[in-house]
């Protein structure tokens, strides 16, 4: 029943490694800069973890596509067009718990919608 800022603070207070520090610990040199603050958690990261279906054993692809091949600019693909492959790996969270969390999370928090035709 707690929000992602509270969970992030709890993780930090209890010295639980953030995902980037964990990757650095496992030898991924791209994340070495996160070794300085290995327990600092952000509520945005917590929310991403709470909503990502990869943690229940599914893979989600085609979330972005290249809008312009020269600039390599990516644009988000609508959720209805994402490709989801179920049960590709072992889940680390129970599907029932994950679904309960999805019901409790407020919708559209922090998501910016584009304005149509100059509407302000």
PDB file of N, CA and C in Angstrom:
ATOM      1  N   UNK A   1       0.788  -1.200   0.000  1.00  0.00           N
ATOM      2  CA  UNK A   1       0.000   0.000   0.000  1.00  0.00           C
ATOM      3  C   UNK A   1       0.834   1.270   0.000  1.00  0.00           C
ATOM      4  N   UNK A   2       2.172   1.146  -0.006  1.00  0.00           N
ATOM      5  CA  UNK A   2       3.035   2.334   0.001  1.00  0.00           C
ATOM      6  C   UNK A   2       3.414   2.729  -1.414  1.00  0.00           C
ATOM      7  N   UNK A   3       3.635   4.021  -1.628  1.00  0.00           N
ATOM      8  CA  UNK A   3       4.014   4.518  -2.943  1.00  0.00           C
ATOM      9  C   UNK A   3       5.484   4.275  -3.251  1.00  0.00           C
ATOM     10  N   UNK A   4       5.847   4.510  -4.496  1.00  0.00           N
ATOM     11  CA  UNK A   4       7.225   4.270  -4.921  1.00  0.00           C
ATOM     12  C   UNK A   4       8.251   5.158  -4.211  1.00  0.00           C
ATOM     13  N   UNK A   5       7.948   6.419  -3.837  1.00  0.00           N
ATOM     14  CA  UNK A   5       8.938   7.191  -3.082  1.00  0.00           C
ATOM     15  C   UNK A   5       9.239   6.552  -1.716  1.00  0.00           C
ATOM     16  N   UNK A   6       8.202   6.060  -1.049  1.00  0.00           N
ATOM     17  CA  UNK A   6       8.389   5.402   0.242  1.00  0.00           C
ATOM     18  C   UNK A   6       9.226   4.128   0.078  1.00  0.00           C
ATOM     19  N   UNK A   7       8.926   3.346  -0.961  1.00  0.00           N
ATOM     20  CA  UNK A   7       9.664   2.097  -1.203  1.00  0.00           C
ATOM     21  C   UNK A   7      11.120   2.410  -1.508  1.00  0.00           C
ATOM     22  N   UNK A   8      11.377   3.446  -2.319  1.00  0.00           N
ATOM     23  CA  UNK A   8      12.756   3.831  -2.649  1.00  0.00           C
ATOM     24  C   UNK A   8      13.526   4.211  -1.388  1.00  0.00           C
ATOM     25  N   UNK A   9      12.884   4.963  -0.509  1.00  0.00           N
ATOM     26  CA  UNK A   9      13.516   5.361   0.760  1.00  0.00           C
ATOM     27  C   UNK A   9      13.781   4.135   1.630  1.00  0.00           C
ATOM     28  N   UNK A  10      12.840   3.214   1.676  1.00  0.00           N
ATOM     29  CA  UNK A  10      13.006   1.975   2.452  1.00  0.00           C
ATOM     30  C   UNK A  10      14.208   1.176   1.940  1.00  0.00           C
ATOM     31  N   UNK A  11      14.312   1.027   0.615  1.00  0.00           N
ATOM     32  CA  UNK A  11      15.427   0.281   0.024  1.00  0.00           C
ATOM     33  C   UNK A  11      16.762   0.936   0.362  1.00  0.00           C
ATOM     34  N   UNK A  12      16.793   2.263   0.284  1.00  0.00           N
ATOM     35  CA  UNK A  12      18.009   3.007   0.585  1.00  0.00           C
ATOM     36  C   UNK A  12      18.378   2.870   2.069  1.00  0.00           C
ATOM     37  N   UNK A  13      17.391   3.037   2.949  1.00  0.00           N
ATOM     38  CA  UNK A  13      17.644   2.940   4.393  1.00  0.00           C
ATOM     39  C   UNK A  13      18.119   1.554   4.816  1.00  0.00           C
ATOM     40  N   UNK A  14      17.649   0.521   4.106  1.00  0.00           N
ATOM     41  CA  UNK A  14      18.015  -0.856   4.439  1.00  0.00           C
ATOM     42  C   UNK A  14      19.195  -1.378   3.620  1.00  0.00           C
ATOM     43  N   UNK A  15      19.874  -0.446   2.948  1.00  0.00           N
ATOM     44  CA  UNK A  15      21.098  -0.733   2.201  1.00  0.00           C
ATOM     45  C   UNK A  15      20.930  -1.877   1.193  1.00  0.00           C
ATOM     46  N   UNK A  16      19.869  -1.777   0.397  1.00  0.00           N
ATOM     47  CA  UNK A  16      19.633  -2.732  -0.680  1.00  0.00           C
ATOM     48  C   UNK A  16      20.157  -2.101  -1.964  1.00  0.00           C
ATOM     49  N   UNK A  17      21.030  -2.815  -2.667  1.00  0.00           N
ATOM     50  CA  UNK A  17      21.650  -2.286  -3.877  1.00  0.00           C
ATOM     51  C   UNK A  17      20.605  -1.896  -4.909  1.00  0.00           C
ATOM     52  N   UNK A  18      20.860  -0.761  -5.576  1.00  0.00           N
ATOM     53  CA  UNK A  18      19.990  -0.396  -6.687  1.00  0.00           C
ATOM     54  C   UNK A  18      20.393  -1.235  -7.903  1.00  0.00           C
ATOM     55  N   UNK A  19      19.534  -1.348  -8.934  1.00  0.00           N
ATOM     56  CA  UNK A  19      19.835  -2.213 -10.078  1.00  0.00           C
ATOM     57  C   UNK A  19      21.163  -1.896 -10.776  1.00  0.00           C
ATOM     58  N   UNK A  20      21.498  -0.629 -10.920  1.00  0.00           N
ATOM     59  CA  UNK A  20      22.749  -0.264 -11.600  1.00  0.00           C
ATOM     60  C   UNK A  20      23.965  -0.696 -10.789  1.00  0.00           C
ATOM     61  N   UNK A  21      23.920  -0.503  -9.488  1.00  0.00           N
ATOM     62  CA  UNK A  21      25.031  -0.923  -8.631  1.00  0.00           C
ATOM     63  C   UNK A  21      25.166  -2.445  -8.637  1.00  0.00           C
ATOM     64  N   UNK A  22      24.039  -3.128  -8.692  1.00  0.00           N
ATOM     65  CA  UNK A  22      24.062  -4.598  -8.758  1.00  0.00           C
ATOM     66  C   UNK A  22      24.741  -5.059 -10.046  1.00  0.00           C
ATOM     67  N   UNK A  23      24.415  -4.410 -11.164  1.00  0.00           N
ATOM     68  CA  UNK A  23      25.058  -4.756 -12.436  1.00  0.00           C
ATOM     69  C   UNK A  23      26.552  -4.477 -12.377  1.00  0.00           C
ATOM     70  N   UNK A  24      26.943  -3.357 -11.774  1.00  0.00           N
ATOM     71  CA  UNK A  24      28.367  -3.031 -11.629  1.00  0.00           C
ATOM     72  C   UNK A  24      29.062  -4.079 -10.770  1.00  0.00           C
ATOM     73  N   UNK A  25      28.402  -4.516  -9.706  1.00  0.00           N
ATOM     74  CA  UNK A  25      28.958  -5.545  -8.827  1.00  0.00           C
ATOM     75  C   UNK A  25      29.189  -6.853  -9.578  1.00  0.00           C
ATOM     76  N   UNK A  26      28.302  -7.141 -10.534  1.00  0.00           N
ATOM     77  CA  UNK A  26      28.408  -8.371 -11.322  1.00  0.00           C
ATOM     78  C   UNK A  26      29.390  -8.239 -12.484  1.00  0.00           C
ATOM     79  N   UNK A  27      30.047  -7.069 -12.599  1.00  0.00           N
ATOM     80  CA  UNK A  27      31.107  -6.924 -13.594  1.00  0.00           C
ATOM     81  C   UNK A  27      30.760  -6.118 -14.825  1.00  0.00           C
ATOM     82  N   UNK A  28      29.590  -5.558 -14.915  1.00  0.00           N
ATOM     83  CA  UNK A  28      29.214  -4.748 -16.069  1.00  0.00           C
ATOM     84  C   UNK A  28      29.846  -3.368 -15.917  1.00  0.00           C
ATOM     85  N   UNK A  29      30.891  -3.103 -16.674  1.00  0.00           N
ATOM     86  CA  UNK A  29      31.669  -1.870 -16.530  1.00  0.00           C
ATOM     87  C   UNK A  29      30.907  -0.623 -16.951  1.00  0.00           C
ATOM     88  N   UNK A  30      29.804  -0.769 -17.704  1.00  0.00           N
ATOM     89  CA  UNK A  30      29.004   0.396 -18.097  1.00  0.00           C
ATOM     90  C   UNK A  30      28.365   1.062 -16.889  1.00  0.00           C
ATOM     91  N   UNK A  31      28.281   0.355 -15.766  1.00  0.00           N
ATOM     92  CA  UNK A  31      27.594   0.874 -14.590  1.00  0.00           C
ATOM     93  C   UNK A  31      28.550   1.193 -13.443  1.00  0.00           C
ATOM     94  N   UNK A  32      29.839   1.285 -13.714  1.00  0.00           N
ATOM     95  CA  UNK A  32      30.814   1.546 -12.652  1.00  0.00           C
ATOM     96  C   UNK A  32      30.586   2.860 -11.920  1.00  0.00           C
ATOM     97  N   UNK A  33      30.039   3.851 -12.598  1.00  0.00           N
ATOM     98  CA  UNK A  33      29.820   5.146 -11.939  1.00  0.00           C
ATOM     99  C   UNK A  33      28.781   5.048 -10.820  1.00  0.00           C
ATOM    100  N   UNK A  34      27.990   3.994 -10.795  1.00  0.00           N
ATOM    101  CA  UNK A  34      26.971   3.839  -9.765  1.00  0.00           C
ATOM    102  C   UNK A  34      27.514   3.179  -8.494  1.00  0.00           C
ATOM    103  N   UNK A  35      28.787   2.817  -8.499  1.00  0.00           N
ATOM    104  CA  UNK A  35      29.386   2.218  -7.309  1.00  0.00           C
ATOM    105  C   UNK A  35      29.527   3.242  -6.180  1.00  0.00           C
ATOM    106  N   UNK A  36      29.542   4.539  -6.538  1.00  0.00           N
ATOM    107  CA  UNK A  36      29.709   5.590  -5.531  1.00  0.00           C
ATOM    108  C   UNK A  36      28.495   5.692  -4.605  1.00  0.00           C
ATOM    109  N   UNK A  37      27.305   5.528  -5.137  1.00  0.00           N
ATOM    110  CA  UNK A  37      26.068   5.572  -4.349  1.00  0.00           C
ATOM    111  C   UNK A  37      25.263   4.301  -4.617  1.00  0.00           C
ATOM    112  N   UNK A  38      25.748   3.157  -4.147  1.00  0.00           N
ATOM    113  CA  UNK A  38      25.121   1.882  -4.525  1.00  0.00           C
ATOM    114  C   UNK A  38      23.739   1.653  -3.931  1.00  0.00           C
ATOM    115  N   UNK A  39      23.369   2.398  -2.893  1.00  0.00           N
ATOM    116  CA  UNK A  39      22.078   2.180  -2.242  1.00  0.00           C
ATOM    117  C   UNK A  39      21.054   3.262  -2.563  1.00  0.00           C
ATOM    118  N   UNK A  40      21.469   4.276  -3.312  1.00  0.00           N
ATOM    119  CA  UNK A  40      20.570   5.375  -3.670  1.00  0.00           C
ATOM    120  C   UNK A  40      19.541   4.847  -4.666  1.00  0.00           C
ATOM    121  N   UNK A  41      18.280   4.879  -4.275  1.00  0.00           N
ATOM    122  CA  UNK A  41      17.199   4.417  -5.147  1.00  0.00           C
ATOM    123  C   UNK A  41      16.307   5.589  -5.522  1.00  0.00           C
ATOM    124  N   UNK A  42      15.795   5.554  -6.737  1.00  0.00           N
ATOM    125  CA  UNK A  42      14.893   6.602  -7.207  1.00  0.00           C
ATOM    126  C   UNK A  42      13.500   6.014  -7.323  1.00  0.00           C
ATOM    127  N   UNK A  43      12.499   6.836  -7.012  1.00  0.00           N
ATOM    128  CA  UNK A  43      11.126   6.340  -7.099  1.00  0.00           C
ATOM    129  C   UNK A  43      10.738   5.986  -8.527  1.00  0.00           C
ATOM    130  N   UNK A  44      11.351   6.653  -9.515  1.00  0.00           N
ATOM    131  CA  UNK A  44      11.080   6.330 -10.920  1.00  0.00           C
ATOM    132  C   UNK A  44      11.536   4.902 -11.225  1.00  0.00           C
ATOM    133  N   UNK A  45      12.695   4.530 -10.711  1.00  0.00           N
ATOM    134  CA  UNK A  45      13.217   3.181 -10.917  1.00  0.00           C
ATOM    135  C   UNK A  45      12.324   2.156 -10.236  1.00  0.00           C
ATOM    136  N   UNK A  46      11.889   2.459  -9.030  1.00  0.00           N
ATOM    137  CA  UNK A  46      10.992   1.547  -8.306  1.00  0.00           C
ATOM    138  C   UNK A  46       9.702   1.358  -9.088  1.00  0.00           C
ATOM    139  N   UNK A  47       9.146   2.444  -9.595  1.00  0.00           N
ATOM    140  CA  UNK A  47       7.897   2.338 -10.369  1.00  0.00           C
ATOM    141  C   UNK A  47       8.110   1.508 -11.626  1.00  0.00           C
ATOM    142  N   UNK A  48       9.239   1.675 -12.283  1.00  0.00           N
ATOM    143  CA  UNK A  48       9.546   0.877 -13.485  1.00  0.00           C
ATOM    144  C   UNK A  48       9.574  -0.599 -13.137  1.00  0.00           C
ATOM    145  N   UNK A  49      10.210  -0.936 -12.022  1.00  0.00           N
ATOM    146  CA  UNK A  49      10.284  -2.333 -11.590  1.00  0.00           C
ATOM    147  C   UNK A  49       8.881  -2.872 -11.284  1.00  0.00           C
ATOM    148  N   UNK A  50       8.055  -2.053 -10.641  1.00  0.00           N
ATOM    149  CA  UNK A  50       6.710  -2.489 -10.267  1.00  0.00           C
ATOM    150  C   UNK A  50       5.790  -2.712 -11.467  1.00  0.00           C
ATOM    151  N   UNK A  51       6.112  -2.101 -12.602  1.00  0.00           N
ATOM    152  CA  UNK A  51       5.228  -2.201 -13.767  1.00  0.00           C
ATOM    153  C   UNK A  51       5.815  -3.007 -14.925  1.00  0.00           C
ATOM    154  N   UNK A  52       7.015  -3.527 -14.790  1.00  0.00           N
ATOM    155  CA  UNK A  52       7.675  -4.231 -15.887  1.00  0.00           C
ATOM    156  C   UNK A  52       7.351  -5.722 -15.851  1.00  0.00           C
ATOM    157  N   UNK A  53       6.745  -6.227 -16.931  1.00  0.00           N
ATOM    158  CA  UNK A  53       6.329  -7.625 -16.964  1.00  0.00           C
ATOM    159  C   UNK A  53       7.493  -8.611 -17.067  1.00  0.00           C
ATOM    160  N   UNK A  54       8.692  -8.112 -17.261  1.00  0.00           N
ATOM    161  CA  UNK A  54       9.843  -9.009 -17.317  1.00  0.00           C
ATOM    162  C   UNK A  54      10.022  -9.749 -15.983  1.00  0.00           C
ATOM    163  N   UNK A  55       9.560  -9.142 -14.889  1.00  0.00           N
ATOM    164  CA  UNK A  55       9.721  -9.745 -13.573  1.00  0.00           C
ATOM    165  C   UNK A  55       8.748 -10.888 -13.325  1.00  0.00           C
ATOM    166  N   UNK A  56       7.729 -11.046 -14.195  1.00  0.00           N
ATOM    167  CA  UNK A  56       6.834 -12.197 -14.067  1.00  0.00           C
ATOM    168  C   UNK A  56       7.109 -13.232 -15.154  1.00  0.00           C
ATOM    169  N   UNK A  57       8.256 -13.100 -15.830  1.00  0.00           N
ATOM    170  CA  UNK A  57       8.702 -14.111 -16.782  1.00  0.00           C
ATOM    171  C   UNK A  57       8.345 -13.867 -18.230  1.00  0.00           C
ATOM    172  N   UNK A  58       7.856 -12.676 -18.559  1.00  0.00           N
ATOM    173  CA  UNK A  58       7.485 -12.368 -19.943  1.00  0.00           C
ATOM    174  C   UNK A  58       8.482 -11.379 -20.548  1.00  0.00           C
ATOM    175  N   UNK A  59       8.579 -11.413 -21.861  1.00  0.00           N
ATOM    176  CA  UNK A  59       9.389 -10.427 -22.582  1.00  0.00           C
ATOM    177  C   UNK A  59       8.453  -9.539 -23.385  1.00  0.00           C
ATOM    178  N   UNK A  60       8.759  -8.244 -23.398  1.00  0.00           N
ATOM    179  CA  UNK A  60       7.963  -7.276 -24.147  1.00  0.00           C
ATOM    180  C   UNK A  60       8.880  -6.578 -25.141  1.00  0.00           C
ATOM    181  N   UNK A  61       8.551  -6.689 -26.413  1.00  0.00           N
ATOM    182  CA  UNK A  61       9.371  -6.103 -27.472  1.00  0.00           C
ATOM    183  C   UNK A  61       8.549  -5.132 -28.307  1.00  0.00           C
ATOM    184  N   UNK A  62       9.238  -4.437 -29.184  1.00  0.00           N
ATOM    185  CA  UNK A  62       8.642  -3.461 -30.096  1.00  0.00           C
ATOM    186  C   UNK A  62       7.969  -2.327 -29.318  1.00  0.00           C
ATOM    187  N   UNK A  63       8.661  -1.839 -28.267  1.00  0.00           N
ATOM    188  CA  UNK A  63       8.144  -0.707 -27.492  1.00  0.00           C
ATOM    189  C   UNK A  63       8.492   0.614 -28.171  1.00  0.00           C
ATOM    190  N   UNK A  64       9.565   0.606 -28.940  1.00  0.00           N
ATOM    191  CA  UNK A  64      10.014   1.796 -29.667  1.00  0.00           C
ATOM    192  C   UNK A  64      10.355   1.393 -31.091  1.00  0.00           C
ATOM    193  N   UNK A  65      10.259   2.353 -31.997  1.00  0.00           N
ATOM    194  CA  UNK A  65      10.717   2.117 -33.357  1.00  0.00           C
ATOM    195  C   UNK A  65      11.437   3.366 -33.851  1.00  0.00           C
ATOM    196  N   UNK A  66      12.262   3.191 -34.842  1.00  0.00           N
ATOM    197  CA  UNK A  66      13.049   4.299 -35.378  1.00  0.00           C
ATOM    198  C   UNK A  66      12.146   5.156 -36.258  1.00  0.00           C
ATOM    199  N   UNK A  67      12.039   6.432 -35.904  1.00  0.00           N
ATOM    200  CA  UNK A  67      11.214   7.360 -36.684  1.00  0.00           C
ATOM    201  C   UNK A  67      11.974   7.823 -37.926  1.00  0.00           C
ATOM    202  N   UNK A  68      13.276   8.071 -37.752  1.00  0.00           N
ATOM    203  CA  UNK A  68      14.093   8.560 -38.852  1.00  0.00           C
ATOM    204  C   UNK A  68      15.414   7.790 -38.825  1.00  0.00           C
ATOM    205  N   UNK A  69      15.683   7.016 -39.852  1.00  0.00           N
ATOM    206  CA  UNK A  69      16.877   6.178 -39.848  1.00  0.00           C
ATOM    207  C   UNK A  69      18.171   6.992 -39.868  1.00  0.00           C
ATOM    208  N   UNK A  70      18.125   8.244 -40.356  1.00  0.00           N
ATOM    209  CA  UNK A  70      19.336   9.061 -40.382  1.00  0.00           C
ATOM    210  C   UNK A  70      19.692   9.593 -38.994  1.00  0.00           C
ATOM    211  N   UNK A  71      18.695  10.074 -38.265  1.00  0.00           N
ATOM    212  CA  UNK A  71      18.964  10.618 -36.940  1.00  0.00           C
ATOM    213  C   UNK A  71      18.860   9.549 -35.845  1.00  0.00           C
ATOM    214  N   UNK A  72      18.304   8.402 -36.225  1.00  0.00           N
ATOM    215  CA  UNK A  72      18.099   7.289 -35.291  1.00  0.00           C
ATOM    216  C   UNK A  72      17.165   7.673 -34.139  1.00  0.00           C
ATOM    217  N   UNK A  73      16.288   8.636 -34.386  1.00  0.00           N
ATOM    218  CA  UNK A  73      15.332   9.059 -33.363  1.00  0.00           C
ATOM    219  C   UNK A  73      14.295   7.967 -33.148  1.00  0.00           C
ATOM    220  N   UNK A  74      14.079   7.633 -31.858  1.00  0.00           N
ATOM    221  CA  UNK A  74      13.110   6.604 -31.499  1.00  0.00           C
ATOM    222  C   UNK A  74      11.793   7.238 -31.064  1.00  0.00           C
ATOM    223  N   UNK A  75      10.702   6.599 -31.421  1.00  0.00           N
ATOM    224  CA  UNK A  75       9.382   7.031 -30.968  1.00  0.00           C
ATOM    225  C   UNK A  75       8.703   5.846 -30.295  1.00  0.00           C
ATOM    226  N   UNK A  76       7.902   6.129 -29.294  1.00  0.00           N
ATOM    227  CA  UNK A  76       7.205   5.083 -28.549  1.00  0.00           C
ATOM    228  C   UNK A  76       6.071   4.510 -29.393  1.00  0.00           C
ATOM    229  N   UNK A  77       5.976   3.194 -29.381  1.00  0.00           N
ATOM    230  CA  UNK A  77       4.914   2.482 -30.073  1.00  0.00           C
ATOM    231  C   UNK A  77       3.745   2.332 -29.093  1.00  0.00           C
ATOM    232  N   UNK A  78       2.504   2.476 -29.539  1.00  0.00           N
ATOM    233  CA  UNK A  78       1.364   2.296 -28.632  1.00  0.00           C
ATOM    234  C   UNK A  78       1.399   0.917 -27.956  1.00  0.00           C
ATOM    235  N   UNK A  79       0.960   0.874 -26.695  1.00  0.00           N
ATOM    236  CA  UNK A  79       0.985  -0.373 -25.928  1.00  0.00           C
ATOM    237  C   UNK A  79       0.279  -1.509 -26.656  1.00  0.00           C
ATOM    238  N   UNK A  80      -0.772  -1.214 -27.390  1.00  0.00           N
ATOM    239  CA  UNK A  80      -1.530  -2.258 -28.092  1.00  0.00           C
ATOM    240  C   UNK A  80      -0.716  -2.946 -29.188  1.00  0.00           C
ATOM    241  N   UNK A  81       0.381  -2.312 -29.636  1.00  0.00           N
ATOM    242  CA  UNK A  81       1.205  -2.886 -30.694  1.00  0.00           C
ATOM    243  C   UNK A  81       2.472  -3.567 -30.175  1.00  0.00           C
ATOM    244  N   UNK A  82       2.666  -3.563 -28.850  1.00  0.00           N
ATOM    245  CA  UNK A  82       3.839  -4.242 -28.285  1.00  0.00           C
ATOM    246  C   UNK A  82       3.725  -5.742 -28.515  1.00  0.00           C
ATOM    247  N   UNK A  83       4.855  -6.388 -28.666  1.00  0.00           N
ATOM    248  CA  UNK A  83       4.899  -7.839 -28.839  1.00  0.00           C
ATOM    249  C   UNK A  83       5.289  -8.445 -27.498  1.00  0.00           C
ATOM    250  N   UNK A  84       4.395  -9.259 -26.939  1.00  0.00           N
ATOM    251  CA  UNK A  84       4.638  -9.874 -25.640  1.00  0.00           C
ATOM    252  C   UNK A  84       4.777 -11.383 -25.833  1.00  0.00           C
ATOM    253  N   UNK A  85       5.904 -11.915 -25.391  1.00  0.00           N
ATOM    254  CA  UNK A  85       6.146 -13.354 -25.435  1.00  0.00           C
ATOM    255  C   UNK A  85       6.131 -13.834 -23.993  1.00  0.00           C
ATOM    256  N   UNK A  86       5.172 -14.692 -23.677  1.00  0.00           N
ATOM    257  CA  UNK A  86       4.970 -15.115 -22.290  1.00  0.00           C
ATOM    258  C   UNK A  86       5.864 -16.292 -21.921  1.00  0.00           C
ATOM    259  N   UNK A  87       6.195 -16.340 -20.642  1.00  0.00           N
ATOM    260  CA  UNK A  87       6.946 -17.450 -20.034  1.00  0.00           C
ATOM    261  C   UNK A  87       8.279 -17.738 -20.736  1.00  0.00           C
ATOM    262  N   UNK A  88       9.044 -16.693 -20.997  1.00  0.00           N
ATOM    263  CA  UNK A  88      10.348 -16.873 -21.643  1.00  0.00           C
ATOM    264  C   UNK A  88      11.459 -17.185 -20.651  1.00  0.00           C
ATOM    265  N   UNK A  89      11.232 -16.910 -19.373  1.00  0.00           N
ATOM    266  CA  UNK A  89      12.232 -17.161 -18.340  1.00  0.00           C
ATOM    267  C   UNK A  89      11.521 -17.296 -16.997  1.00  0.00           C
ATOM    268  N   UNK A  90      12.269 -17.708 -16.004  1.00  0.00           N
ATOM    269  CA  UNK A  90      11.690 -17.901 -14.682  1.00  0.00           C
ATOM    270  C   UNK A  90      11.286 -16.563 -14.067  1.00  0.00           C
ATOM    271  N   UNK A  91      10.092 -16.528 -13.532  1.00  0.00           N
ATOM    272  CA  UNK A  91       9.585 -15.310 -12.893  1.00  0.00           C
ATOM    273  C   UNK A  91      10.239 -15.137 -11.527  1.00  0.00           C
ATOM    274  N   UNK A  92      10.482 -13.875 -11.145  1.00  0.00           N
ATOM    275  CA  UNK A  92      11.016 -13.620  -9.805  1.00  0.00           C
ATOM    276  C   UNK A  92       9.951 -13.015  -8.900  1.00  0.00           C
ATOM    277  N   UNK A  93       8.756 -12.810  -9.451  1.00  0.00           N
ATOM    278  CA  UNK A  93       7.625 -12.355  -8.643  1.00  0.00           C
ATOM    279  C   UNK A  93       6.385 -13.106  -9.104  1.00  0.00           C
ATOM    280  N   UNK A  94       5.532 -13.445  -8.154  1.00  0.00           N
ATOM    281  CA  UNK A  94       4.306 -14.171  -8.433  1.00  0.00           C
ATOM    282  C   UNK A  94       3.367 -13.301  -9.276  1.00  0.00           C
ATOM    283  N   UNK A  95       2.731 -13.904 -10.277  1.00  0.00           N
ATOM    284  CA  UNK A  95       1.845 -13.153 -11.175  1.00  0.00           C
ATOM    285  C   UNK A  95       0.654 -12.541 -10.441  1.00  0.00           C
ATOM    286  N   UNK A  96       0.124 -13.235  -9.443  1.00  0.00           N
ATOM    287  CA  UNK A  96      -1.012 -12.702  -8.687  1.00  0.00           C
ATOM    288  C   UNK A  96      -0.614 -11.442  -7.921  1.00  0.00           C
ATOM    289  N   UNK A  97       0.581 -11.463  -7.323  1.00  0.00           N
ATOM    290  CA  UNK A  97       1.075 -10.284  -6.594  1.00  0.00           C
ATOM    291  C   UNK A  97       1.298  -9.135  -7.576  1.00  0.00           C
ATOM    292  N   UNK A  98       1.909  -9.432  -8.717  1.00  0.00           N
ATOM    293  CA  UNK A  98       2.157  -8.414  -9.738  1.00  0.00           C
ATOM    294  C   UNK A  98       0.837  -7.774 -10.179  1.00  0.00           C
ATOM    295  N   UNK A  99      -0.177  -8.597 -10.450  1.00  0.00           N
ATOM    296  CA  UNK A  99      -1.473  -8.078 -10.892  1.00  0.00           C
ATOM    297  C   UNK A  99      -2.133  -7.236  -9.811  1.00  0.00           C
ATOM    298  N   UNK A 100      -1.986  -7.624  -8.552  1.00  0.00           N
ATOM    299  CA  UNK A 100      -2.537  -6.834  -7.444  1.00  0.00           C
ATOM    300  C   UNK A 100      -1.865  -5.464  -7.370  1.00  0.00           C
ATOM    301  N   UNK A 101      -0.542  -5.436  -7.581  1.00  0.00           N
ATOM    302  CA  UNK A 101       0.190  -4.162  -7.581  1.00  0.00           C
ATOM    303  C   UNK A 101      -0.307  -3.277  -8.720  1.00  0.00           C
ATOM    304  N   UNK A 102      -0.571  -3.861  -9.894  1.00  0.00           N
ATOM    305  CA  UNK A 102      -1.039  -3.073 -11.034  1.00  0.00           C
ATOM    306  C   UNK A 102      -2.379  -2.416 -10.733  1.00  0.00           C
ATOM    307  N   UNK A 103      -3.250  -3.115  -9.996  1.00  0.00           N
ATOM    308  CA  UNK A 103      -4.555  -2.557  -9.627  1.00  0.00           C
ATOM    309  C   UNK A 103      -4.403  -1.381  -8.665  1.00  0.00           C
ATOM    310  N   UNK A 104      -3.388  -1.451  -7.803  1.00  0.00           N
ATOM    311  CA  UNK A 104      -3.215  -0.423  -6.777  1.00  0.00           C
ATOM    312  C   UNK A 104      -2.474   0.812  -7.274  1.00  0.00           C
ATOM    313  N   UNK A 105      -1.687   0.660  -8.328  1.00  0.00           N
ATOM    314  CA  UNK A 105      -0.917   1.795  -8.829  1.00  0.00           C
ATOM    315  C   UNK A 105      -1.825   2.817  -9.506  1.00  0.00           C
ATOM    316  N   UNK A 106      -1.621   4.096  -9.208  1.00  0.00           N
ATOM    317  CA  UNK A 106      -2.404   5.108  -9.908  1.00  0.00           C
ATOM    318  C   UNK A 106      -2.008   5.132 -11.382  1.00  0.00           C
ATOM    319  N   UNK A 107      -2.965   5.337 -12.238  1.00  0.00           N
ATOM    320  CA  UNK A 107      -2.719   5.341 -13.684  1.00  0.00           C
ATOM    321  C   UNK A 107      -2.300   6.728 -14.160  1.00  0.00           C
ATOM    322  N   UNK A 108      -1.494   6.754 -15.207  1.00  0.00           N
ATOM    323  CA  UNK A 108      -1.071   7.982 -15.887  1.00  0.00           C
ATOM    324  C   UNK A 108      -0.293   8.948 -15.005  1.00  0.00           C
ATOM    325  N   UNK A 109       0.355   8.464 -13.978  1.00  0.00           N
ATOM    326  CA  UNK A 109       1.177   9.335 -13.142  1.00  0.00           C
ATOM    327  C   UNK A 109       2.474   9.615 -13.885  1.00  0.00           C
ATOM    328  N   UNK A 110       2.770  10.873 -14.086  1.00  0.00           N
ATOM    329  CA  UNK A 110       4.023  11.258 -14.725  1.00  0.00           C
ATOM    330  C   UNK A 110       4.061  11.070 -16.224  1.00  0.00           C
ATOM    331  N   UNK A 111       2.991  10.624 -16.818  1.00  0.00           N
ATOM    332  CA  UNK A 111       2.994  10.397 -18.261  1.00  0.00           C
ATOM    333  C   UNK A 111       2.465  11.643 -18.961  1.00  0.00           C
ATOM    334  N   UNK A 112       3.266  12.161 -19.856  1.00  0.00           N
ATOM    335  CA  UNK A 112       2.887  13.378 -20.566  1.00  0.00           C
ATOM    336  C   UNK A 112       2.251  13.001 -21.897  1.00  0.00           C
ATOM    337  N   UNK A 113       1.065  13.475 -22.123  1.00  0.00           N
ATOM    338  CA  UNK A 113       0.368  13.228 -23.385  1.00  0.00           C
ATOM    339  C   UNK A 113       0.622  14.406 -24.321  1.00  0.00           C
ATOM    340  N   UNK A 114       0.735  14.125 -25.609  1.00  0.00           N
ATOM    341  CA  UNK A 114       0.934  15.190 -26.579  1.00  0.00           C
ATOM    342  C   UNK A 114      -0.366  15.952 -26.784  1.00  0.00           C
ATOM    343  N   UNK A 115      -0.239  17.245 -26.909  1.00  0.00           N
ATOM    344  CA  UNK A 115      -1.398  18.096 -27.182  1.00  0.00           C
ATOM    345  C   UNK A 115      -1.665  18.054 -28.684  1.00  0.00           C
ATOM    346  N   UNK A 116      -2.939  18.036 -29.051  1.00  0.00           N
ATOM    347  CA  UNK A 116      -3.338  17.993 -30.463  1.00  0.00           C
ATOM    348  C   UNK A 116      -3.474  19.404 -31.021  1.00  0.00           C
ATOM    349  N   UNK A 117      -2.950  19.650 -32.184  1.00  0.00           N
ATOM    350  CA  UNK A 117      -3.156  20.895 -32.954  1.00  0.00           C
ATOM    351  C   UNK A 117      -3.025  22.173 -32.129  1.00  0.00           C
ATOM    352  N   UNK A 118      -2.003  22.293 -31.338  1.00  0.00           N
ATOM    353  CA  UNK A 118      -1.738  23.521 -30.626  1.00  0.00           C
ATOM    354  C   UNK A 118      -2.614  23.774 -29.433  1.00  0.00           C
ATOM    355  N   UNK A 119      -3.433  22.801 -28.986  1.00  0.00           N
ATOM    356  CA  UNK A 119      -4.251  22.985 -27.788  1.00  0.00           C
ATOM    357  C   UNK A 119      -3.325  23.218 -26.607  1.00  0.00           C
ATOM    358  N   UNK A 120      -3.713  24.132 -25.731  1.00  0.00           N
ATOM    359  CA  UNK A 120      -2.876  24.446 -24.567  1.00  0.00           C
ATOM    360  C   UNK A 120      -3.501  23.912 -23.330  1.00  0.00           C
TER     361      UNK A 120
END
